Structure formats: structure tokens, C-alpha cells
């Protein structure tokens, strides 16, 4: 991330309301929703390890479990929709 004040001609911000800004905002809000979910339900805001290695392993395990559960839920939902259509 670069400050716009370093060189305005080189590093400009997309105008609010433009399509590029809307896409950036969608990605940002999606990431923030996932972070809030992980902090709330997986206790990521309450990690009590002294070293960074163990905290990183804890974070990696939590994200692995989260991604696996979302993948499984999406697959089950897709199967359910296929059964309803048939």
C-alpha cells in the first residue's frame, strides 16, 4: 500500500462510486466478515501463545478448519439443490 501523497500521478485512489472502487470494497468487506467470524467463533482474538510459531500454527489450523467446513457446507447445499431440481 502506498500513500497517495508520495506521488499523486503514480498512486491515485479509485474514485468512490466507480466500478473499481465497488469491487475493492466488496473484497474488503468479505475479508472483514471472515475475520470477524473467525474471531467470534474460533477464538482468534484470544490466542495465548508466547511464540509466534505456535500462534501461526493455531491460525493456520483455524483457517484450515474454516475453509474445510465452508467447502463441505457448499457441497451439501449443491447436492440438496440438485435433489430438489430432480
N, C-alpha and C. Protein backbone atom coordinates (compact mmCIF):
# COMPACT_ATOMS: atom_id res chain seq x y z
N UNK A 1 0.84 -1.17 0.00
CA UNK A 1 0.00 0.00 0.00
C UNK A 1 0.89 1.24 0.00
N UNK A 2 0.58 2.14 -0.85
CA UNK A 2 1.37 3.37 -0.96
C UNK A 2 0.50 4.56 -0.61
N UNK A 3 1.13 5.54 0.01
CA UNK A 3 0.41 6.79 0.27
C UNK A 3 0.23 7.55 -1.02
N UNK A 4 -0.91 8.12 -1.18
CA UNK A 4 -1.20 8.88 -2.39
C UNK A 4 -0.34 10.14 -2.43
N UNK A 5 0.00 10.67 -1.27
CA UNK A 5 0.75 11.92 -1.22
C UNK A 5 2.18 11.78 -1.70
N UNK A 6 2.70 10.56 -1.84
CA UNK A 6 4.07 10.40 -2.33
C UNK A 6 4.19 10.88 -3.77
N UNK A 7 3.26 10.44 -4.61
CA UNK A 7 3.23 10.90 -5.99
C UNK A 7 1.82 10.69 -6.51
N UNK A 8 1.07 11.75 -6.58
CA UNK A 8 -0.34 11.66 -6.94
C UNK A 8 -0.54 11.14 -8.36
N UNK A 9 0.40 11.42 -9.25
CA UNK A 9 0.26 10.95 -10.63
C UNK A 9 0.47 9.44 -10.72
N UNK A 10 1.30 8.90 -9.84
CA UNK A 10 1.61 7.47 -9.88
C UNK A 10 0.62 6.64 -9.08
N UNK A 11 0.28 7.11 -7.89
CA UNK A 11 -0.56 6.35 -6.97
C UNK A 11 -1.85 7.12 -6.72
N UNK A 12 -2.85 6.84 -7.51
CA UNK A 12 -4.13 7.52 -7.31
C UNK A 12 -5.15 6.52 -6.76
N UNK A 13 -6.09 7.04 -6.01
CA UNK A 13 -7.14 6.20 -5.44
C UNK A 13 -8.29 6.13 -6.45
N UNK A 14 -8.93 4.98 -6.55
CA UNK A 14 -10.09 4.92 -7.44
C UNK A 14 -11.22 5.79 -6.88
N UNK A 15 -11.93 6.43 -7.76
CA UNK A 15 -13.00 7.33 -7.32
C UNK A 15 -14.12 6.53 -6.68
N UNK A 16 -14.64 7.04 -5.58
CA UNK A 16 -15.76 6.35 -4.93
C UNK A 16 -16.96 6.35 -5.86
N UNK A 17 -17.62 5.23 -5.91
CA UNK A 17 -18.76 5.10 -6.79
C UNK A 17 -18.39 4.48 -8.13
N UNK A 18 -17.10 4.40 -8.44
CA UNK A 18 -16.70 3.77 -9.70
C UNK A 18 -16.76 2.25 -9.56
N UNK A 19 -16.70 1.57 -10.67
CA UNK A 19 -16.77 0.11 -10.66
C UNK A 19 -15.56 -0.50 -9.95
N UNK A 20 -14.38 0.08 -10.16
CA UNK A 20 -13.17 -0.43 -9.49
C UNK A 20 -13.28 -0.28 -7.98
N UNK A 21 -13.80 0.85 -7.53
CA UNK A 21 -13.94 1.07 -6.09
C UNK A 21 -14.95 0.11 -5.49
N UNK A 22 -16.04 -0.16 -6.21
CA UNK A 22 -17.05 -1.10 -5.71
C UNK A 22 -16.47 -2.50 -5.57
N UNK A 23 -15.65 -2.91 -6.54
CA UNK A 23 -15.04 -4.24 -6.47
C UNK A 23 -14.06 -4.33 -5.30
N UNK A 24 -13.26 -3.28 -5.10
CA UNK A 24 -12.33 -3.27 -3.98
C UNK A 24 -13.08 -3.32 -2.66
N UNK A 25 -14.16 -2.57 -2.56
CA UNK A 25 -14.95 -2.52 -1.34
C UNK A 25 -15.61 -3.86 -1.06
N UNK A 26 -16.09 -4.56 -2.09
CA UNK A 26 -16.69 -5.89 -1.90
C UNK A 26 -15.68 -6.88 -1.34
N UNK A 27 -14.46 -6.85 -1.91
CA UNK A 27 -13.42 -7.75 -1.42
C UNK A 27 -13.06 -7.43 0.02
N UNK A 28 -12.92 -6.15 0.33
CA UNK A 28 -12.54 -5.72 1.67
C UNK A 28 -13.60 -6.13 2.70
N UNK A 29 -14.87 -5.93 2.38
CA UNK A 29 -15.92 -6.28 3.33
C UNK A 29 -16.02 -7.79 3.50
N UNK A 30 -15.78 -8.56 2.44
CA UNK A 30 -15.81 -10.01 2.56
C UNK A 30 -14.71 -10.50 3.50
N UNK A 31 -13.52 -9.92 3.36
CA UNK A 31 -12.41 -10.31 4.23
C UNK A 31 -12.70 -9.93 5.67
N UNK A 32 -13.27 -8.76 5.89
CA UNK A 32 -13.59 -8.32 7.25
C UNK A 32 -14.67 -9.20 7.88
N UNK A 33 -15.64 -9.65 7.08
CA UNK A 33 -16.67 -10.56 7.61
C UNK A 33 -16.06 -11.88 8.05
N UNK A 34 -15.14 -12.42 7.25
CA UNK A 34 -14.49 -13.68 7.61
C UNK A 34 -13.63 -13.50 8.87
N UNK A 35 -12.89 -12.39 8.94
CA UNK A 35 -12.07 -12.13 10.13
C UNK A 35 -12.93 -12.03 11.38
N UNK A 36 -14.05 -11.34 11.29
CA UNK A 36 -14.94 -11.21 12.44
C UNK A 36 -15.52 -12.57 12.84
N UNK A 37 -15.86 -13.39 11.85
CA UNK A 37 -16.39 -14.73 12.12
C UNK A 37 -15.35 -15.59 12.83
N UNK A 38 -14.11 -15.54 12.34
CA UNK A 38 -13.06 -16.33 12.97
C UNK A 38 -12.76 -15.85 14.39
N UNK A 39 -12.79 -14.56 14.61
CA UNK A 39 -12.56 -14.04 15.96
C UNK A 39 -13.68 -14.42 16.90
N UNK A 40 -14.91 -14.41 16.39
CA UNK A 40 -16.06 -14.69 17.25
C UNK A 40 -16.18 -16.17 17.59
N UNK A 41 -16.11 -17.04 16.58
CA UNK A 41 -16.42 -18.45 16.79
C UNK A 41 -15.19 -19.34 16.94
N UNK A 42 -14.02 -18.89 16.55
CA UNK A 42 -12.81 -19.72 16.65
C UNK A 42 -11.78 -19.13 17.61
N UNK A 43 -12.16 -18.13 18.36
CA UNK A 43 -11.32 -17.53 19.40
C UNK A 43 -9.97 -17.03 18.89
N UNK A 44 -9.95 -16.45 17.72
CA UNK A 44 -8.69 -15.93 17.22
C UNK A 44 -8.27 -14.64 17.91
N UNK A 45 -9.20 -13.98 18.58
CA UNK A 45 -8.82 -12.79 19.32
C UNK A 45 -8.31 -13.13 20.71
N UNK A 46 -8.24 -14.40 21.03
CA UNK A 46 -7.85 -14.84 22.37
C UNK A 46 -6.75 -15.90 22.29
N UNK A 47 -5.75 -15.70 21.42
CA UNK A 47 -4.65 -16.66 21.28
C UNK A 47 -3.63 -16.37 22.38
N UNK A 48 -3.26 -17.39 23.13
CA UNK A 48 -2.38 -17.19 24.28
C UNK A 48 -1.09 -17.98 24.15
N UNK A 49 -0.37 -17.74 23.10
CA UNK A 49 0.92 -18.38 22.91
C UNK A 49 2.01 -17.33 23.02
N UNK A 50 3.12 -17.74 23.60
CA UNK A 50 4.22 -16.80 23.78
C UNK A 50 5.01 -16.60 22.49
N UNK A 51 5.16 -17.67 21.72
CA UNK A 51 5.96 -17.57 20.50
C UNK A 51 5.05 -17.37 19.28
N UNK A 52 5.60 -16.76 18.27
CA UNK A 52 4.85 -16.53 17.05
C UNK A 52 4.61 -17.79 16.25
N UNK A 53 5.50 -18.78 16.39
CA UNK A 53 5.35 -20.03 15.64
C UNK A 53 4.07 -20.75 16.03
N UNK A 54 3.85 -20.86 17.33
CA UNK A 54 2.66 -21.58 17.78
C UNK A 54 1.39 -20.81 17.45
N UNK A 55 1.45 -19.50 17.53
CA UNK A 55 0.29 -18.69 17.16
C UNK A 55 -0.01 -18.83 15.67
N UNK A 56 1.04 -18.89 14.86
CA UNK A 56 0.85 -19.07 13.41
C UNK A 56 0.27 -20.43 13.11
N UNK A 57 0.73 -21.46 13.81
CA UNK A 57 0.17 -22.80 13.62
C UNK A 57 -1.30 -22.82 14.02
N UNK A 58 -1.62 -22.15 15.13
CA UNK A 58 -3.00 -22.06 15.57
C UNK A 58 -3.86 -21.36 14.51
N UNK A 59 -3.37 -20.27 13.97
CA UNK A 59 -4.09 -19.54 12.92
C UNK A 59 -4.27 -20.41 11.69
N UNK A 60 -3.22 -21.11 11.28
CA UNK A 60 -3.31 -21.97 10.10
C UNK A 60 -4.33 -23.09 10.30
N UNK A 61 -4.35 -23.68 11.49
CA UNK A 61 -5.32 -24.75 11.77
C UNK A 61 -6.75 -24.21 11.76
N UNK A 62 -6.94 -23.04 12.33
CA UNK A 62 -8.28 -22.46 12.36
C UNK A 62 -8.76 -22.15 10.94
N UNK A 63 -7.89 -21.57 10.11
CA UNK A 63 -8.30 -21.26 8.75
C UNK A 63 -8.53 -22.53 7.94
N UNK A 64 -7.76 -23.58 8.19
CA UNK A 64 -7.97 -24.85 7.52
C UNK A 64 -9.34 -25.44 7.88
N UNK A 65 -9.67 -25.42 9.15
CA UNK A 65 -10.97 -25.94 9.59
C UNK A 65 -12.10 -25.10 9.02
N UNK A 66 -11.95 -23.79 9.03
CA UNK A 66 -12.98 -22.91 8.49
C UNK A 66 -13.20 -23.17 7.00
N UNK A 67 -12.11 -23.25 6.23
CA UNK A 67 -12.24 -23.48 4.79
C UNK A 67 -12.84 -24.85 4.49
N UNK A 68 -12.44 -25.86 5.26
CA UNK A 68 -12.99 -27.20 5.04
C UNK A 68 -14.47 -27.24 5.37
N UNK A 69 -14.88 -26.58 6.45
CA UNK A 69 -16.29 -26.58 6.81
C UNK A 69 -17.13 -25.83 5.79
N UNK A 70 -16.62 -24.71 5.27
CA UNK A 70 -17.36 -23.97 4.25
C UNK A 70 -17.45 -24.76 2.95
N UNK A 71 -16.38 -25.46 2.58
CA UNK A 71 -16.40 -26.29 1.38
C UNK A 71 -17.42 -27.41 1.52
N UNK A 72 -17.43 -28.07 2.68
CA UNK A 72 -18.39 -29.15 2.92
C UNK A 72 -19.82 -28.62 2.89
N UNK A 73 -20.06 -27.48 3.50
CA UNK A 73 -21.40 -26.90 3.51
C UNK A 73 -21.85 -26.53 2.10
N UNK A 74 -20.95 -26.00 1.30
CA UNK A 74 -21.29 -25.65 -0.09
C UNK A 74 -21.60 -26.89 -0.91
N UNK A 75 -20.85 -27.96 -0.71
CA UNK A 75 -21.11 -29.20 -1.45
C UNK A 75 -22.43 -29.82 -1.03
N UNK A 76 -22.74 -29.82 0.25
CA UNK A 76 -24.01 -30.36 0.73
C UNK A 76 -25.16 -29.53 0.18
N UNK A 77 -25.00 -28.22 0.16
CA UNK A 77 -26.03 -27.34 -0.38
C UNK A 77 -26.25 -27.59 -1.87
N UNK A 78 -25.17 -27.81 -2.62
CA UNK A 78 -25.28 -28.08 -4.06
C UNK A 78 -26.01 -29.40 -4.29
N UNK A 79 -25.70 -30.41 -3.49
CA UNK A 79 -26.39 -31.70 -3.62
C UNK A 79 -27.88 -31.55 -3.29
N UNK A 80 -28.18 -30.78 -2.28
CA UNK A 80 -29.58 -30.56 -1.91
C UNK A 80 -30.34 -29.85 -3.02
N UNK A 81 -29.70 -28.88 -3.66
CA UNK A 81 -30.36 -28.16 -4.76
C UNK A 81 -30.58 -29.09 -5.94
N UNK A 82 -29.61 -29.99 -6.22
CA UNK A 82 -29.76 -30.94 -7.31
C UNK A 82 -30.91 -31.90 -7.02
N UNK A 83 -31.04 -32.34 -5.79
CA UNK A 83 -32.14 -33.25 -5.43
C UNK A 83 -33.49 -32.56 -5.54
N UNK A 84 -33.53 -31.28 -5.20
CA UNK A 84 -34.79 -30.55 -5.31
C UNK A 84 -35.19 -30.36 -6.77
N UNK A 85 -34.21 -30.18 -7.65
CA UNK A 85 -34.48 -29.97 -9.07
C UNK A 85 -34.92 -31.25 -9.75
N UNK A 86 -34.46 -32.39 -9.27
CA UNK A 86 -34.75 -33.67 -9.92
C UNK A 86 -36.10 -34.23 -9.53
